[in-house]
Amino acid sequence: MRRIISLVLIFFIIALMAGSATEQEAIDNVISYAAAAAAYLEEQGYYIEVPENAGQVFYLEKGQYIKIDGTFYSGTNYVIVASGGSNATDIDIEVYDEKWSLIFDGNTDGIDTDVILTPGYTAEMHVAIKLTATKAGAKGAYVGFLLFYVSKGK
């Protein structure tokens, strides 16, 4: 439960910087979805660790994406959740290896999406969180994500 509070506090700080109602809505949706995912994982006996700068919110036009680059370590369980504001209708997560070969294509319908990634080897990887569709007439939408680690029973 302490980790869920940490997730909420990270996004509370981000929420203080929100510039518009639709940006705030995206932040609220990511908080809600991440808290639900964290609660479920904790019920299953997982320990959740939230790194610094674990979440952000961006305004994206349809087809644009947020890119997360970094070293992903073998055996570590990474959870990435994403959601968006009311103008977003579809958000997808794609994961690429160090050679930009697609290793996970998280095409789902809707704005709430997530991936649990446990690399078999340590490598530079790239995560793209993509705004695939918006409401009719909307050029773009706010999209946010949160990344955290999970491990069994600490």
Protein backbone atom coordinates (compact mmCIF):
# COMPACT_ATOMS: atom_id res chain seq x y z
CA MET A 1 0.00 0.00 0.00
CA ARG A 2 2.93 2.36 0.68
CA ARG A 3 3.99 2.02 -2.96
CA ILE A 4 0.54 2.98 -4.23
CA ILE A 5 0.82 6.11 -2.12
CA SER A 6 4.23 6.77 -3.73
CA LEU A 7 2.68 6.45 -7.19
CA VAL A 8 -0.04 8.89 -6.27
CA LEU A 9 2.44 11.37 -4.73
CA ILE A 10 4.59 11.39 -7.89
CA PHE A 11 1.60 12.28 -9.99
CA PHE A 12 0.28 14.74 -7.40
CA ILE A 13 3.46 16.74 -7.90
CA ILE A 14 3.00 16.54 -11.67
CA ALA A 15 -0.65 17.53 -11.24
CA LEU A 16 0.37 20.75 -9.51
CA MET A 17 2.03 21.74 -12.78
CA ALA A 18 -0.97 20.93 -14.98
CA GLY A 19 -1.81 23.77 -17.32
CA SER A 20 -5.28 22.79 -18.50
CA ALA A 21 -8.32 20.71 -17.60
CA THR A 22 -7.56 18.14 -20.31
CA GLU A 23 -3.96 17.82 -19.10
CA GLN A 24 -5.25 17.33 -15.55
CA GLU A 25 -7.68 14.70 -16.82
CA ALA A 26 -4.81 12.73 -18.41
CA ILE A 27 -2.87 12.93 -15.14
CA ASP A 28 -5.91 11.72 -13.18
CA ASN A 29 -6.43 8.82 -15.60
CA VAL A 30 -2.80 7.69 -15.35
CA ILE A 31 -2.91 7.93 -11.53
CA SER A 32 -6.10 5.91 -11.39
CA TYR A 33 -4.91 3.23 -13.82
CA ALA A 34 -1.45 2.95 -12.19
CA ALA A 35 -2.96 2.72 -8.70
CA ALA A 36 -5.32 -0.05 -9.82
CA ALA A 37 -2.44 -1.95 -11.45
CA ALA A 38 -0.24 -1.50 -8.36
CA ALA A 39 -3.04 -2.63 -6.03
CA TYR A 40 -3.60 -5.76 -8.12
CA LEU A 41 0.14 -6.57 -8.17
CA GLU A 42 0.44 -6.04 -4.41
CA GLU A 43 -2.52 -8.38 -3.84
CA GLN A 44 -0.58 -10.98 -5.85
CA GLY A 45 2.37 -10.60 -3.45
CA TYR A 46 4.55 -8.26 -5.51
CA TYR A 47 6.67 -5.46 -4.06
CA ILE A 48 6.55 -2.22 -6.05
CA GLU A 49 9.44 0.21 -6.43
CA VAL A 50 8.92 3.60 -8.04
CA PRO A 51 12.06 5.24 -9.48
CA GLU A 52 12.63 9.00 -9.62
CA ASN A 53 11.10 10.72 -12.65
CA ALA A 54 8.90 7.68 -13.16
CA GLY A 55 6.06 9.47 -14.89
CA GLN A 56 5.36 12.28 -17.29
CA VAL A 57 2.52 13.77 -19.29
CA PHE A 58 2.87 15.15 -22.83
CA TYR A 59 0.61 16.71 -25.42
CA LEU A 60 0.79 14.55 -28.55
CA GLU A 61 -0.77 14.90 -31.93
CA LYS A 62 -2.30 11.77 -33.46
CA GLY A 63 0.52 9.45 -34.59
CA GLN A 64 3.16 10.99 -32.30
CA TYR A 65 4.77 9.09 -29.44
CA ILE A 66 6.64 9.47 -26.17
CA LYS A 67 9.99 7.65 -26.34
CA ILE A 68 11.67 6.15 -23.30
CA ASP A 69 15.26 5.01 -23.89
CA GLY A 70 17.31 3.23 -21.30
CA THR A 71 19.10 0.18 -20.10
CA PHE A 72 16.68 -2.54 -19.10
CA TYR A 73 18.27 -5.14 -16.84
CA SER A 74 17.93 -8.90 -17.14
CA GLY A 75 15.46 -10.42 -14.70
CA THR A 76 13.96 -7.08 -13.63
CA ASN A 77 10.19 -6.78 -13.99
CA TYR A 78 9.26 -3.42 -15.49
CA VAL A 79 5.65 -2.24 -15.55
CA ILE A 80 4.69 0.62 -17.83
CA VAL A 81 1.15 1.99 -17.72
CA ALA A 82 -0.22 4.70 -19.97
CA SER A 83 -3.48 6.58 -20.29
CA GLY A 84 -4.77 9.82 -21.72
CA GLY A 85 -7.26 12.64 -21.56
CA SER A 86 -10.75 12.76 -23.03
CA ASN A 87 -9.59 13.55 -26.59
CA ALA A 88 -7.52 10.34 -26.74
CA THR A 89 -9.34 7.22 -27.92
CA ASP A 90 -6.45 4.78 -28.48
CA ILE A 91 -2.96 4.60 -26.95
CA ASP A 92 -0.47 1.81 -27.69
CA ILE A 93 2.86 0.74 -26.18
CA GLU A 94 5.61 -0.73 -28.36
CA VAL A 95 8.96 -2.06 -27.10
CA TYR A 96 12.08 -2.28 -29.28
CA ASP A 97 15.48 -3.86 -28.63
CA GLU A 98 18.84 -2.11 -29.07
CA LYS A 99 18.67 -2.64 -32.87
CA TRP A 100 15.16 -1.15 -33.06
CA SER A 101 13.60 -4.56 -33.74
CA LEU A 102 10.06 -4.72 -32.41
CA ILE A 103 9.88 -7.15 -29.47
CA PHE A 104 6.47 -6.23 -28.05
CA ASP A 105 3.53 -4.70 -29.85
CA GLY A 106 0.92 -3.68 -27.31
CA ASN A 107 -1.81 -2.67 -29.69
CA THR A 108 -4.97 -2.50 -27.61
CA ASP A 109 -8.24 -0.69 -28.04
CA GLY A 110 -8.80 2.21 -25.67
CA ILE A 111 -6.77 4.68 -23.67
CA ASP A 112 -5.65 2.47 -20.78
CA THR A 113 -2.73 0.26 -21.74
CA ASP A 114 0.11 -1.46 -19.95
CA VAL A 115 3.04 -3.79 -20.46
CA ILE A 116 5.03 -5.96 -18.07
CA LEU A 117 8.53 -6.42 -19.47
CA THR A 118 11.10 -8.86 -18.06
CA PRO A 119 14.15 -8.87 -20.34
CA GLY A 120 16.12 -12.11 -20.68
CA TYR A 121 19.31 -10.08 -21.10
CA THR A 122 20.54 -6.61 -20.15
CA ALA A 123 20.35 -4.21 -23.07
CA GLU A 124 19.48 -0.74 -24.28
CA MET A 125 15.78 -0.77 -25.13
CA HIS A 126 13.32 1.73 -26.47
CA VAL A 127 9.68 2.12 -25.46
CA ALA A 128 7.24 4.10 -27.59
CA ILE A 129 3.92 5.20 -26.08
CA LYS A 130 1.88 6.22 -29.08
CA LEU A 131 -1.30 8.24 -29.49
CA THR A 132 -2.94 6.15 -32.21
CA ALA A 133 -6.40 7.73 -32.36
CA THR A 134 -8.33 10.76 -31.12
CA LYS A 135 -11.96 11.85 -31.02
CA ALA A 136 -13.33 13.24 -34.27
CA GLY A 137 -12.11 16.78 -34.77
CA ALA A 138 -9.36 16.55 -32.13
CA LYS A 139 -5.84 17.15 -33.43
CA GLY A 140 -4.21 15.64 -30.36
CA ALA A 141 -4.51 14.77 -26.69
CA TYR A 142 -2.57 14.64 -23.44
CA VAL A 143 -0.96 11.25 -22.81
CA GLY A 144 0.82 10.20 -19.63
CA PHE A 145 2.81 7.22 -18.46
CA LEU A 146 4.27 5.75 -15.31
CA LEU A 147 7.09 3.21 -15.10
CA PHE A 148 7.77 1.14 -12.00
CA TYR A 149 9.53 -2.08 -10.98
CA VAL A 150 7.96 -5.10 -9.36
CA SER A 151 9.51 -8.06 -7.58
CA LYS A 152 8.02 -11.02 -5.79
CA GLY A 153 7.65 -10.79 -1.98
CA LYS A 154 9.99 -8.31 -0.34
